[in-house]
Amino acid sequence: MKVRTEKKEQLLDFYRQMMLIRRFEEKAAQLYTQAYIGGYCHLNVGEEATVVGALSALGPDDYVVSNYREHGHALTLGSDPGAVMAELLGKETGVSRGRGGSMHLFDPEHRLYGGYGIVGGQIPLAVGMAMAVQYRGQDRVVMCLFGEGATNIGAFHESLNMAKVYRLPVLFLCVNNQYAMGSTPNEASAVPEMVTKALAYDMPAEQVDGMDLLEVRDATLRNVEQIRETGEPRFLEAITYRFRGHSMADAGRYRTQEELRRWQERDPINTFVRYLEDEGVLTQELREQIDASVEEEVERATQFAMDSPAPDVADLYKYVYAEDGQQ
């Protein structure tokens, strides 16, 4: 077994981050059913190991762009839970000032340069960001997260080709949660393993167990390090599973309860808890303390969002374009 370099405090923080995502998303689901959240709402439940494992491997100056299932990404990068929840509720205090909602979180202070509602729309943007990094001579990596369904669009192939041709520092992270809405990779893709698509562009690529936080972290650390050394793009496919529907509007009738149960037996949080317990890092008492702290944080975030004001109608046209001189 690989010798771990993470300290006890860091391992416990990984557990706390995963629990924060899980409880935050469960609260978001509740608020959605109570009609406090409108529009679409896509949850990270089941994908916590991929989210925390990957993002924890980035440096403090690296950039992240994602898709519309990005609540957990914002939380892991350090966005204030109250501001994230307020955004879901369309409040002025949200990370996108209530203009983006669940699908369009944007928090440049914490290096999150957007969740994007158009499938794969963020992939060419990530390439553009990586080109800017290269042009400026910066020591930064751009991480671009997307689902396996996005690998079937033309922009995905154009982006990978351009990233390789121009040797751009971008990590393409495919979060393969088995269903692009209701279609499996076998139904929608000519090849079932997304990692093989990167090989067509002579790009180093590997596949990792997305239900294992430490495996994802190790693979991401390794790939990010290689990108920094070579300046060239790489591709990582994390095999995970979403326990909820594609969105809160999805009943998930295209999959069986038996399939869902099998994946839930590999719940990434429970898997990590067993590891921490075996290593003597986590006790039952400590786990209860962390869980209680997370519950309180989510409740505070929810109350903050509920108490926050809605955007003023007079500001309808504000923030449509970046102001002069704004980076």
C-alpha atoms as a PDB file:
ATOM      1  CA  MET A   1       0.000   0.000   0.000  1.00  0.00           C
ATOM      2  CA  LYS A   2       1.227   3.494  -0.819  1.00  0.00           C
ATOM      3  CA  VAL A   3       2.572   5.423   2.153  1.00  0.00           C
ATOM      4  CA  ARG A   4       0.354   8.429   2.740  1.00  0.00           C
ATOM      5  CA  THR A   5       1.934  11.850   3.071  1.00  0.00           C
ATOM      6  CA  GLU A   6      -1.193  13.656   4.247  1.00  0.00           C
ATOM      7  CA  LYS A   7      -1.295  14.590   7.918  1.00  0.00           C
ATOM      8  CA  LYS A   8      -4.143  13.632  10.235  1.00  0.00           C
ATOM      9  CA  GLU A   9      -5.618  17.141  10.125  1.00  0.00           C
ATOM     10  CA  GLN A  10      -5.697  17.128   6.334  1.00  0.00           C
ATOM     11  CA  LEU A  11      -7.352  13.715   6.162  1.00  0.00           C
ATOM     12  CA  LEU A  12      -9.994  14.826   8.641  1.00  0.00           C
ATOM     13  CA  ASP A  13     -10.554  17.971   6.585  1.00  0.00           C
ATOM     14  CA  PHE A  14     -11.172  15.814   3.508  1.00  0.00           C
ATOM     15  CA  TYR A  15     -13.848  13.947   5.464  1.00  0.00           C
ATOM     16  CA  ARG A  16     -15.368  17.219   6.617  1.00  0.00           C
ATOM     17  CA  GLN A  17     -15.458  18.586   3.084  1.00  0.00           C
ATOM     18  CA  MET A  18     -17.233  15.506   1.777  1.00  0.00           C
ATOM     19  CA  MET A  19     -19.756  15.669   4.602  1.00  0.00           C
ATOM     20  CA  LEU A  20     -20.321  19.370   3.951  1.00  0.00           C
ATOM     21  CA  ILE A  21     -21.102  18.633   0.305  1.00  0.00           C
ATOM     22  CA  ARG A  22     -23.440  15.766   1.214  1.00  0.00           C
ATOM     23  CA  ARG A  23     -25.403  17.730   3.847  1.00  0.00           C
ATOM     24  CA  PHE A  24     -25.457  20.894   1.734  1.00  0.00           C
ATOM     25  CA  GLU A  25     -26.869  19.002  -1.230  1.00  0.00           C
ATOM     26  CA  GLU A  26     -29.459  17.248   0.900  1.00  0.00           C
ATOM     27  CA  LYS A  27     -30.594  20.625   2.211  1.00  0.00           C
ATOM     28  CA  ALA A  28     -30.680  22.002  -1.335  1.00  0.00           C
ATOM     29  CA  ALA A  29     -32.911  19.089  -2.358  1.00  0.00           C
ATOM     30  CA  GLN A  30     -35.236  19.875   0.529  1.00  0.00           C
ATOM     31  CA  LEU A  31     -35.406  23.568  -0.356  1.00  0.00           C
ATOM     32  CA  TYR A  32     -36.056  22.700  -3.987  1.00  0.00           C
ATOM     33  CA  THR A  33     -39.057  20.545  -3.106  1.00  0.00           C
ATOM     34  CA  GLN A  34     -40.321  23.432  -0.959  1.00  0.00           C
ATOM     35  CA  ALA A  35     -40.051  25.757  -3.982  1.00  0.00           C
ATOM     36  CA  TYR A  36     -37.407  28.008  -2.440  1.00  0.00           C
ATOM     37  CA  ILE A  37     -35.046  27.056  -5.280  1.00  0.00           C
ATOM     38  CA  GLY A  38     -36.303  27.525  -8.824  1.00  0.00           C
ATOM     39  CA  GLY A  39     -35.145  26.351 -12.222  1.00  0.00           C
ATOM     40  CA  TYR A  40     -32.865  23.337 -12.458  1.00  0.00           C
ATOM     41  CA  CYS A  41     -30.794  21.964  -9.606  1.00  0.00           C
ATOM     42  CA  HIS A  42     -28.111  19.287 -10.116  1.00  0.00           C
ATOM     43  CA  LEU A  43     -26.579  17.638  -7.053  1.00  0.00           C
ATOM     44  CA  ASN A  44     -23.160  16.133  -6.263  1.00  0.00           C
ATOM     45  CA  VAL A  45     -24.496  13.380  -3.980  1.00  0.00           C
ATOM     46  CA  GLY A  46     -22.363  10.281  -4.604  1.00  0.00           C
ATOM     47  CA  GLU A  47     -19.571  12.168  -6.365  1.00  0.00           C
ATOM     48  CA  GLU A  48     -17.949  13.709  -3.270  1.00  0.00           C
ATOM     49  CA  ALA A  49     -14.734  11.685  -3.505  1.00  0.00           C
ATOM     50  CA  THR A  50     -14.095  12.833  -7.069  1.00  0.00           C
ATOM     51  CA  VAL A  51     -14.808  16.463  -6.225  1.00  0.00           C
ATOM     52  CA  VAL A  52     -12.704  16.706  -3.058  1.00  0.00           C
ATOM     53  CA  GLY A  53      -9.983  14.351  -4.246  1.00  0.00           C
ATOM     54  CA  ALA A  54      -9.398  16.253  -7.470  1.00  0.00           C
ATOM     55  CA  LEU A  55      -9.691  19.827  -6.269  1.00  0.00           C
ATOM     56  CA  SER A  56      -7.543  19.222  -3.192  1.00  0.00           C
ATOM     57  CA  ALA A  57      -4.644  18.419  -5.534  1.00  0.00           C
ATOM     58  CA  LEU A  58      -4.565  21.880  -7.088  1.00  0.00           C
ATOM     59  CA  GLY A  59      -2.306  24.746  -6.125  1.00  0.00           C
ATOM     60  CA  PRO A  60      -3.588  28.045  -4.696  1.00  0.00           C
ATOM     61  CA  ASP A  61      -3.280  29.835  -8.045  1.00  0.00           C
ATOM     62  CA  ASP A  62      -4.742  27.175 -10.338  1.00  0.00           C
ATOM     63  CA  TYR A  63      -8.005  27.790 -12.184  1.00  0.00           C
ATOM     64  CA  VAL A  64     -11.172  25.678 -12.204  1.00  0.00           C
ATOM     65  CA  VAL A  65     -14.045  25.642 -14.683  1.00  0.00           C
ATOM     66  CA  SER A  66     -16.897  23.192 -14.356  1.00  0.00           C
ATOM     67  CA  ASN A  67     -20.372  22.315 -15.500  1.00  0.00           C
ATOM     68  CA  TYR A  68     -23.762  22.784 -13.860  1.00  0.00           C
ATOM     69  CA  ARG A  69     -23.193  20.164 -11.112  1.00  0.00           C
ATOM     70  CA  GLU A  70     -20.792  22.453  -9.289  1.00  0.00           C
ATOM     71  CA  HIS A  71     -22.101  23.181  -5.787  1.00  0.00           C
ATOM     72  CA  GLY A  72     -19.508  20.850  -4.276  1.00  0.00           C
ATOM     73  CA  HIS A  73     -16.738  22.385  -6.347  1.00  0.00           C
ATOM     74  CA  ALA A  74     -17.480  25.828  -4.959  1.00  0.00           C
ATOM     75  CA  LEU A  75     -17.592  24.544  -1.386  1.00  0.00           C
ATOM     76  CA  THR A  76     -14.345  22.588  -1.746  1.00  0.00           C
ATOM     77  CA  LEU A  77     -12.535  25.585  -3.217  1.00  0.00           C
ATOM     78  CA  GLY A  78     -13.543  27.675  -0.221  1.00  0.00           C
ATOM     79  CA  SER A  79     -16.652  29.562  -1.300  1.00  0.00           C
ATOM     80  CA  ASP A  80     -18.781  30.611   1.647  1.00  0.00           C
ATOM     81  CA  PRO A  81     -21.637  28.071   2.065  1.00  0.00           C
ATOM     82  CA  GLY A  82     -24.037  30.898   2.849  1.00  0.00           C
ATOM     83  CA  ALA A  83     -23.163  32.676  -0.397  1.00  0.00           C
ATOM     84  CA  VAL A  84     -23.524  29.432  -2.362  1.00  0.00           C
ATOM     85  CA  MET A  85     -26.903  28.671  -0.813  1.00  0.00           C
ATOM     86  CA  ALA A  86     -27.994  32.270  -1.368  1.00  0.00           C
ATOM     87  CA  GLU A  87     -27.143  31.891  -5.042  1.00  0.00           C
ATOM     88  CA  LEU A  88     -29.308  28.792  -5.273  1.00  0.00           C
ATOM     89  CA  LEU A  89     -32.157  30.847  -3.827  1.00  0.00           C
ATOM     90  CA  GLY A  90     -31.507  33.701  -6.262  1.00  0.00           C
ATOM     91  CA  LYS A  91     -30.477  36.198  -3.595  1.00  0.00           C
ATOM     92  CA  GLU A  92     -28.321  39.315  -3.957  1.00  0.00           C
ATOM     93  CA  THR A  93     -25.788  37.900  -1.470  1.00  0.00           C
ATOM     94  CA  GLY A  94     -25.097  34.873  -3.679  1.00  0.00           C
ATOM     95  CA  VAL A  95     -21.719  34.224  -5.285  1.00  0.00           C
ATOM     96  CA  SER A  96     -23.175  35.376  -8.610  1.00  0.00           C
ATOM     97  CA  ARG A  97     -25.400  38.012  -6.952  1.00  0.00           C
ATOM     98  CA  GLY A  98     -28.454  35.864  -7.536  1.00  0.00           C
ATOM     99  CA  ARG A  99     -28.173  36.113 -11.325  1.00  0.00           C
ATOM    100  CA  GLY A 100     -26.780  32.644 -11.981  1.00  0.00           C
ATOM    101  CA  GLY A 101     -28.571  30.234  -9.702  1.00  0.00           C
ATOM    102  CA  SER A 102     -27.599  26.604  -9.266  1.00  0.00           C
ATOM    103  CA  MET A 103     -26.135  26.157 -12.736  1.00  0.00           C
ATOM    104  CA  HIS A 104     -23.917  29.235 -12.900  1.00  0.00           C
ATOM    105  CA  LEU A 105     -21.871  29.647  -9.744  1.00  0.00           C
ATOM    106  CA  PHE A 106     -18.933  31.995 -10.253  1.00  0.00           C
ATOM    107  CA  ASP A 107     -16.381  32.857  -7.571  1.00  0.00           C
ATOM    108  CA  PRO A 108     -13.057  34.153  -8.948  1.00  0.00           C
ATOM    109  CA  GLU A 109     -11.811  34.905  -5.430  1.00  0.00           C
ATOM    110  CA  HIS A 110     -11.641  31.140  -4.943  1.00  0.00           C
ATOM    111  CA  ARG A 111     -10.521  30.386  -8.541  1.00  0.00           C
ATOM    112  CA  LEU A 112     -13.900  29.040  -9.658  1.00  0.00           C
ATOM    113  CA  TYR A 113     -14.467  30.553 -13.067  1.00  0.00           C
ATOM    114  CA  GLY A 114     -17.914  29.250 -13.579  1.00  0.00           C
ATOM    115  CA  GLY A 115     -20.348  26.460 -13.770  1.00  0.00           C
ATOM    116  CA  TYR A 116     -21.846  26.339 -17.263  1.00  0.00           C
ATOM    117  CA  GLY A 117     -25.328  25.226 -18.255  1.00  0.00           C
ATOM    118  CA  ILE A 118     -24.515  24.307 -21.866  1.00  0.00           C
ATOM    119  CA  VAL A 119     -23.150  20.770 -21.984  1.00  0.00           C
ATOM    120  CA  GLY A 120     -19.442  21.042 -22.732  1.00  0.00           C
ATOM    121  CA  GLY A 121     -19.598  24.818 -23.049  1.00  0.00           C
ATOM    122  CA  GLN A 122     -16.807  25.213 -20.511  1.00  0.00           C
ATOM    123  CA  ILE A 123     -14.298  23.028 -22.365  1.00  0.00           C
ATOM    124  CA  PRO A 124     -13.196  25.547 -25.039  1.00  0.00           C
ATOM    125  CA  LEU A 125     -13.226  28.264 -22.370  1.00  0.00           C
ATOM    126  CA  ALA A 126     -10.748  26.228 -20.326  1.00  0.00           C
ATOM    127  CA  VAL A 127      -8.493  25.977 -23.363  1.00  0.00           C
ATOM    128  CA  GLY A 128      -8.655  29.747 -23.774  1.00  0.00           C
ATOM    129  CA  MET A 129      -7.730  30.218 -20.125  1.00  0.00           C
ATOM    130  CA  ALA A 130      -4.807  27.822 -20.510  1.00  0.00           C
ATOM    131  CA  MET A 131      -3.654  29.757 -23.565  1.00  0.00           C
ATOM    132  CA  ALA A 132      -3.707  32.952 -21.478  1.00  0.00           C
ATOM    133  CA  VAL A 133      -1.682  31.220 -18.759  1.00  0.00           C
ATOM    134  CA  GLN A 134       0.894  30.147 -21.329  1.00  0.00           C
ATOM    135  CA  TYR A 135       1.016  33.603 -22.928  1.00  0.00           C
ATOM    136  CA  ARG A 136       1.614  35.259 -19.561  1.00  0.00           C
ATOM    137  CA  GLY A 137       4.237  32.732 -18.579  1.00  0.00           C
ATOM    138  CA  GLN A 138       2.380  31.798 -15.396  1.00  0.00           C
ATOM    139  CA  ASP A 139       2.940  28.649 -13.364  1.00  0.00           C
ATOM    140  CA  ARG A 140      -0.718  27.670 -13.307  1.00  0.00           C
ATOM    141  CA  VAL A 141      -2.864  24.741 -14.328  1.00  0.00           C
ATOM    142  CA  VAL A 142      -6.441  24.961 -15.578  1.00  0.00           C
ATOM    143  CA  MET A 143      -8.689  22.120 -14.438  1.00  0.00           C
ATOM    144  CA  CYS A 144     -11.748  21.575 -16.610  1.00  0.00           C
ATOM    145  CA  LEU A 145     -14.441  19.265 -15.230  1.00  0.00           C
ATOM    146  CA  PHE A 146     -17.229  17.816 -17.370  1.00  0.00           C
ATOM    147  CA  GLY A 147     -19.446  14.763 -17.614  1.00  0.00           C
ATOM    148  CA  GLU A 148     -18.976  11.856 -19.982  1.00  0.00           C
ATOM    149  CA  GLY A 149     -21.861  13.069 -22.128  1.00  0.00           C
ATOM    150  CA  ALA A 150     -19.860  16.166 -23.051  1.00  0.00           C
ATOM    151  CA  THR A 151     -17.243  14.030 -24.801  1.00  0.00           C
ATOM    152  CA  ASN A 152     -19.691  13.490 -27.669  1.00  0.00           C
ATOM    153  CA  ILE A 153     -19.877  17.123 -28.757  1.00  0.00           C
ATOM    154  CA  GLY A 154     -17.685  18.691 -31.392  1.00  0.00           C
ATOM    155  CA  ALA A 155     -16.224  21.328 -29.072  1.00  0.00           C
ATOM    156  CA  PHE A 156     -14.726  18.601 -26.876  1.00  0.00           C
ATOM    157  CA  HIS A 157     -12.672  17.218 -29.761  1.00  0.00           C
ATOM    158  CA  GLU A 158     -11.730  20.640 -31.078  1.00  0.00           C
ATOM    159  CA  SER A 159     -10.597  21.677 -27.605  1.00  0.00           C
ATOM    160  CA  LEU A 160      -8.459  18.614 -26.961  1.00  0.00           C
ATOM    161  CA  ASN A 161      -6.871  18.961 -30.372  1.00  0.00           C
ATOM    162  CA  MET A 162      -6.057  22.641 -29.849  1.00  0.00           C
ATOM    163  CA  ALA A 163      -4.763  22.048 -26.317  1.00  0.00           C
ATOM    164  CA  LYS A 164      -2.369  19.421 -27.625  1.00  0.00           C
ATOM    165  CA  VAL A 165      -1.284  21.338 -30.718  1.00  0.00           C
ATOM    166  CA  TYR A 166      -0.452  24.434 -28.673  1.00  0.00           C
ATOM    167  CA  ARG A 167       0.819  22.475 -25.640  1.00  0.00           C
ATOM    168  CA  LEU A 168      -1.474  24.134 -23.119  1.00  0.00           C
ATOM    169  CA  PRO A 169      -1.460  23.506 -19.336  1.00  0.00           C
ATOM    170  CA  VAL A 170      -4.952  22.102 -18.894  1.00  0.00           C
ATOM    171  CA  LEU A 171      -6.182  18.987 -17.106  1.00  0.00           C
ATOM    172  CA  PHE A 172      -9.346  17.631 -18.677  1.00  0.00           C
ATOM    173  CA  LEU A 173     -11.212  15.798 -15.897  1.00  0.00           C
ATOM    174  CA  CYS A 174     -14.107  13.696 -17.123  1.00  0.00           C
ATOM    175  CA  VAL A 175     -16.474  12.908 -14.247  1.00  0.00           C
ATOM    176  CA  ASN A 176     -18.092   9.756 -15.590  1.00  0.00           C
ATOM    177  CA  ASN A 177     -21.144   9.200 -13.405  1.00  0.00           C
ATOM    178  CA  GLN A 178     -22.564   6.563 -15.782  1.00  0.00           C
ATOM    179  CA  TYR A 179     -25.499   8.593 -17.088  1.00  0.00           C
ATOM    180  CA  ALA A 180     -25.584  11.612 -19.399  1.00  0.00           C
ATOM    181  CA  MET A 181     -29.082  12.513 -18.260  1.00  0.00           C
ATOM    182  CA  GLY A 182     -30.662   9.110 -18.894  1.00  0.00           C
ATOM    183  CA  SER A 183     -28.236   7.592 -21.409  1.00  0.00           C
ATOM    184  CA  THR A 184     -25.362   5.273 -20.551  1.00  0.00           C
ATOM    185  CA  PRO A 185     -22.004   5.578 -22.349  1.00  0.00           C
ATOM    186  CA  ASN A 186     -22.778   2.349 -24.207  1.00  0.00           C
ATOM    187  CA  GLU A 187     -25.935   3.925 -25.613  1.00  0.00           C
ATOM    188  CA  ALA A 188     -24.513   7.299 -26.592  1.00  0.00           C
ATOM    189  CA  SER A 189     -20.819   6.776 -27.303  1.00  0.00           C
ATOM    190  CA  ALA A 190     -19.060   4.664 -29.905  1.00  0.00           C
ATOM    191  CA  VAL A 191     -16.482   3.772 -27.245  1.00  0.00           C
ATOM    192  CA  PRO A 192     -17.519   2.999 -23.646  1.00  0.00           C
ATOM    193  CA  GLU A 193     -14.379   4.330 -21.975  1.00  0.00           C
ATOM    194  CA  MET A 194     -13.958   8.071 -22.292  1.00  0.00           C
ATOM    195  CA  VAL A 195     -10.241   7.848 -21.579  1.00  0.00           C
ATOM    196  CA  THR A 196      -9.675   6.339 -25.030  1.00  0.00           C
ATOM    197  CA  LYS A 197     -10.952   9.497 -26.710  1.00  0.00           C
ATOM    198  CA  ALA A 198      -7.979  11.482 -25.426  1.00  0.00           C
ATOM    199  CA  LEU A 199      -5.580   9.015 -27.034  1.00  0.00           C
ATOM    200  CA  ALA A 200      -6.751  10.172 -30.450  1.00  0.00           C
ATOM    201  CA  TYR A 201      -5.009  13.470 -29.700  1.00  0.00           C
ATOM    202  CA  ASP A 202      -1.786  11.871 -28.466  1.00  0.00           C
ATOM    203  CA  MET A 203      -2.640  13.036 -24.963  1.00  0.00           C
ATOM    204  CA  PRO A 204      -1.560  11.158 -21.814  1.00  0.00           C
ATOM    205  CA  ALA A 205      -4.715   9.756 -20.237  1.00  0.00           C
ATOM    206  CA  GLU A 206      -5.706   7.494 -17.394  1.00  0.00           C
ATOM    207  CA  GLN A 207      -8.763   6.197 -15.591  1.00  0.00           C
ATOM    208  CA  VAL A 208      -9.285   6.247 -11.828  1.00  0.00           C
ATOM    209  CA  ASP A 209     -11.829   4.984  -9.280  1.00  0.00           C
ATOM    210  CA  GLY A 210     -13.872   8.098  -8.619  1.00  0.00           C
ATOM    211  CA  MET A 211     -15.432   6.592  -5.494  1.00  0.00           C
ATOM    212  CA  ASP A 212     -12.051   6.547  -3.732  1.00  0.00           C
ATOM    213  CA  LEU A 213     -10.924  10.005  -2.604  1.00  0.00           C
ATOM    214  CA  LEU A 214      -7.269   9.118  -2.143  1.00  0.00           C
ATOM    215  CA  GLU A 215      -7.028   7.392  -5.524  1.00  0.00           C
ATOM    216  CA  VAL A 216      -8.489  10.467  -7.204  1.00  0.00           C
ATOM    217  CA  ARG A 217      -6.170  12.755  -5.256  1.00  0.00           C
ATOM    218  CA  ASP A 218      -3.083  10.704  -6.114  1.00  0.00           C
ATOM    219  CA  ALA A 219      -3.953  10.598  -9.807  1.00  0.00           C
ATOM    220  CA  THR A 220      -4.714  14.316  -9.903  1.00  0.00           C
ATOM    221  CA  LEU A 221      -1.519  15.234  -8.058  1.00  0.00           C
ATOM    222  CA  ARG A 222       0.483  13.121 -10.492  1.00  0.00           C
ATOM    223  CA  ASN A 223      -1.159  14.658 -13.557  1.00  0.00           C
ATOM    224  CA  VAL A 224      -0.964  18.231 -12.304  1.00  0.00           C
ATOM    225  CA  GLU A 225       2.728  17.779 -11.557  1.00  0.00           C
ATOM    226  CA  GLN A 226       3.340  16.484 -15.066  1.00  0.00           C
ATOM    227  CA  ILE A 227       1.456  19.400 -16.581  1.00  0.00           C
ATOM    228  CA  ARG A 228       3.589  21.851 -14.624  1.00  0.00           C
ATOM    229  CA  GLU A 229       6.776  20.135 -15.787  1.00  0.00           C
ATOM    230  CA  THR A 230       5.857  19.758 -19.448  1.00  0.00           C
ATOM    231  CA  GLY A 231       3.284  22.493 -20.009  1.00  0.00           C
ATOM    232  CA  GLU A 232       1.210  19.954 -21.934  1.00  0.00           C
ATOM    233  CA  PRO A 233      -2.416  18.857 -21.425  1.00  0.00           C
ATOM    234  CA  ARG A 234      -3.507  15.589 -19.841  1.00  0.00           C
ATOM    235  CA  PHE A 235      -6.788  13.695 -19.454  1.00  0.00           C
ATOM    236  CA  LEU A 236      -8.213  11.964 -16.400  1.00  0.00           C
ATOM    237  CA  GLU A 237     -11.438   9.960 -16.244  1.00  0.00           C
ATOM    238  CA  ALA A 238     -12.989   9.394 -12.809  1.00  0.00           C
ATOM    239  CA  ILE A 239     -15.518   6.556 -12.657  1.00  0.00           C
ATOM    240  CA  THR A 240     -18.184   7.580 -10.175  1.00  0.00           C
ATOM    241  CA  TYR A 241     -21.957   7.521  -9.740  1.00  0.00           C
ATOM    242  CA  ARG A 242     -24.626  10.041  -8.867  1.00  0.00           C
ATOM    243  CA  PHE A 243     -27.073   8.772  -6.272  1.00  0.00           C
ATOM    244  CA  ARG A 244     -29.732  11.312  -7.257  1.00  0.00           C
ATOM    245  CA  GLY A 245     -31.331  11.918 -10.620  1.00  0.00           C
ATOM    246  CA  HIS A 246     -29.696  14.012 -13.309  1.00  0.00           C
ATOM    247  CA  SER A 247     -31.456  16.984 -11.753  1.00  0.00           C
ATOM    248  CA  MET A 248     -34.136  17.410  -9.104  1.00  0.00           C
ATOM    249  CA  ALA A 249     -36.682  17.134 -11.929  1.00  0.00           C
ATOM    250  CA  ASP A 250     -35.453  13.630 -12.829  1.00  0.00           C
ATOM    251  CA  ALA A 251     -37.101  10.582 -11.277  1.00  0.00           C
ATOM    252  CA  GLY A 252     -34.307   8.327 -12.535  1.00  0.00           C
ATOM    253  CA  ARG A 253     -36.577   5.604 -13.900  1.00  0.00           C
ATOM    254  CA  TYR A 254     -33.989   4.561 -16.483  1.00  0.00           C
ATOM    255  CA  ARG A 255     -31.984   2.692 -13.830  1.00  0.00           C
ATOM    256  CA  THR A 256     -32.934  -0.072 -11.461  1.00  0.00           C
ATOM    257  CA  GLN A 257     -33.049   0.128  -7.682  1.00  0.00           C
ATOM    258  CA  GLU A 258     -30.669  -2.829  -7.586  1.00  0.00           C
ATOM    259  CA  GLU A 259     -28.081  -0.920  -9.603  1.00  0.00           C
ATOM    260  CA  LEU A 260     -28.440   2.093  -7.340  1.00  0.00           C
ATOM    261  CA  ARG A 261     -28.087  -0.097  -4.252  1.00  0.00           C
ATOM    262  CA  ARG A 262     -24.873  -1.670  -5.567  1.00  0.00           C
ATOM    263  CA  TRP A 263     -23.273   1.724  -6.046  1.00  0.00           C
ATOM    264  CA  GLN A 264     -24.533   2.999  -2.696  1.00  0.00           C
ATOM    265  CA  GLU A 265     -22.725   0.100  -1.054  1.00  0.00           C
ATOM    266  CA  ARG A 266     -19.573   1.859  -2.292  1.00  0.00           C
ATOM    267  CA  ASP A 267     -20.628   5.217  -0.853  1.00  0.00           C
ATOM    268  CA  PRO A 268     -17.429   7.316  -1.048  1.00  0.00           C
ATOM    269  CA  ILE A 269     -17.957   8.834   2.388  1.00  0.00           C
ATOM    270  CA  ASN A 270     -18.425   5.470   4.099  1.00  0.00           C
ATOM    271  CA  THR A 271     -15.417   4.092   2.231  1.00  0.00           C
ATOM    272  CA  PHE A 272     -13.258   6.957   3.436  1.00  0.00           C
ATOM    273  CA  VAL A 273     -14.569   6.634   6.990  1.00  0.00           C
ATOM    274  CA  ARG A 274     -13.526   2.986   7.088  1.00  0.00           C
ATOM    275  CA  TYR A 275     -10.057   3.957   5.891  1.00  0.00           C
ATOM    276  CA  LEU A 276      -9.721   6.665   8.538  1.00  0.00           C
ATOM    277  CA  GLU A 277     -10.907   4.312  11.259  1.00  0.00           C
ATOM    278  CA  ASP A 278      -8.488   1.579  10.176  1.00  0.00           C
ATOM    279  CA  GLU A 279      -5.644   4.119  10.251  1.00  0.00           C
ATOM    280  CA  GLY A 280      -6.629   5.295  13.714  1.00  0.00           C
ATOM    281  CA  VAL A 281      -7.360   8.795  12.437  1.00  0.00           C
ATOM    282  CA  LEU A 282     -11.103   8.955  13.107  1.00  0.00           C
ATOM    283  CA  THR A 283     -12.930   7.885  16.260  1.00  0.00           C
ATOM    284  CA  GLN A 284     -16.686   7.698  16.708  1.00  0.00           C
ATOM    285  CA  GLU A 285     -16.604  10.677  19.064  1.00  0.00           C
ATOM    286  CA  LEU A 286     -14.601  12.788  16.630  1.00  0.00           C
ATOM    287  CA  ARG A 287     -16.858  11.811  13.759  1.00  0.00           C
ATOM    288  CA  GLU A 288     -19.921  12.912  15.702  1.00  0.00           C
ATOM    289  CA  GLN A 289     -18.258  16.238  16.462  1.00  0.00           C
ATOM    290  CA  ILE A 290     -17.415  16.846  12.799  1.00  0.00           C
ATOM    291  CA  ASP A 291     -20.891  15.818  11.664  1.00  0.00           C
ATOM    292  CA  ALA A 292     -22.536  18.129  14.187  1.00  0.00           C
ATOM    293  CA  SER A 293     -20.317  21.013  13.094  1.00  0.00           C
ATOM    294  CA  VAL A 294     -21.240  20.430   9.458  1.00  0.00           C
ATOM    295  CA  GLU A 295     -24.950  20.295  10.281  1.00  0.00           C
ATOM    296  CA  GLU A 296     -24.666  23.631  12.084  1.00  0.00           C
ATOM    297  CA  GLU A 297     -22.774  25.185   9.181  1.00  0.00           C
ATOM    298  CA  VAL A 298     -25.402  24.108   6.668  1.00  0.00           C
ATOM    299  CA  GLU A 299     -28.186  25.428   8.871  1.00  0.00           C
ATOM    300  CA  ARG A 300     -26.405  28.777   9.217  1.00  0.00           C
ATOM    301  CA  ALA A 301     -25.919  28.918   5.458  1.00  0.00           C
ATOM    302  CA  THR A 302     -29.581  28.177   4.892  1.00  0.00           C
ATOM    303  CA  GLN A 303     -30.743  30.810   7.361  1.00  0.00           C
ATOM    304  CA  PHE A 304     -28.393  33.362   5.789  1.00  0.00           C
ATOM    305  CA  ALA A 305     -29.818  32.603   2.361  1.00  0.00           C
ATOM    306  CA  MET A 306     -33.416  32.744   3.557  1.00  0.00           C
ATOM    307  CA  ASP A 307     -32.844  36.098   5.265  1.00  0.00           C
ATOM    308  CA  SER A 308     -30.976  37.659   2.330  1.00  0.00           C
ATOM    309  CA  PRO A 309     -32.690  40.114  -0.023  1.00  0.00           C
ATOM    310  CA  ALA A 310     -33.597  39.378  -3.609  1.00  0.00           C
ATOM    311  CA  PRO A 311     -31.879  41.474  -6.310  1.00  0.00           C
ATOM    312  CA  ASP A 312     -33.431  44.884  -6.904  1.00  0.00           C
ATOM    313  CA  VAL A 313     -35.394  45.116 -10.138  1.00  0.00           C
ATOM    314  CA  ALA A 314     -33.635  48.421 -10.781  1.00  0.00           C
ATOM    315  CA  ASP A 315     -30.376  46.466 -11.088  1.00  0.00           C
ATOM    316  CA  LEU A 316     -31.704  44.203 -13.840  1.00  0.00           C
ATOM    317  CA  TYR A 317     -28.968  45.210 -16.297  1.00  0.00           C
ATOM    318  CA  LYS A 318     -26.088  45.262 -13.816  1.00  0.00           C
ATOM    319  CA  TYR A 319     -23.344  42.632 -14.162  1.00  0.00           C
ATOM    320  CA  VAL A 320     -24.362  41.759 -17.709  1.00  0.00           C
ATOM    321  CA  TYR A 321     -20.911  42.768 -18.956  1.00  0.00           C
ATOM    322  CA  ALA A 322     -17.569  43.057 -17.155  1.00  0.00           C
ATOM    323  CA  GLU A 323     -16.732  46.627 -16.264  1.00  0.00           C
ATOM    324  CA  ASP A 324     -13.742  48.379 -17.828  1.00  0.00           C
ATOM    325  CA  GLY A 325     -10.467  47.224 -16.322  1.00  0.00           C
ATOM    326  CA  GLN A 326     -12.056  44.243 -14.568  1.00  0.00           C
ATOM    327  CA  GLN A 327      -9.974  41.055 -14.921  1.00  0.00           C
END
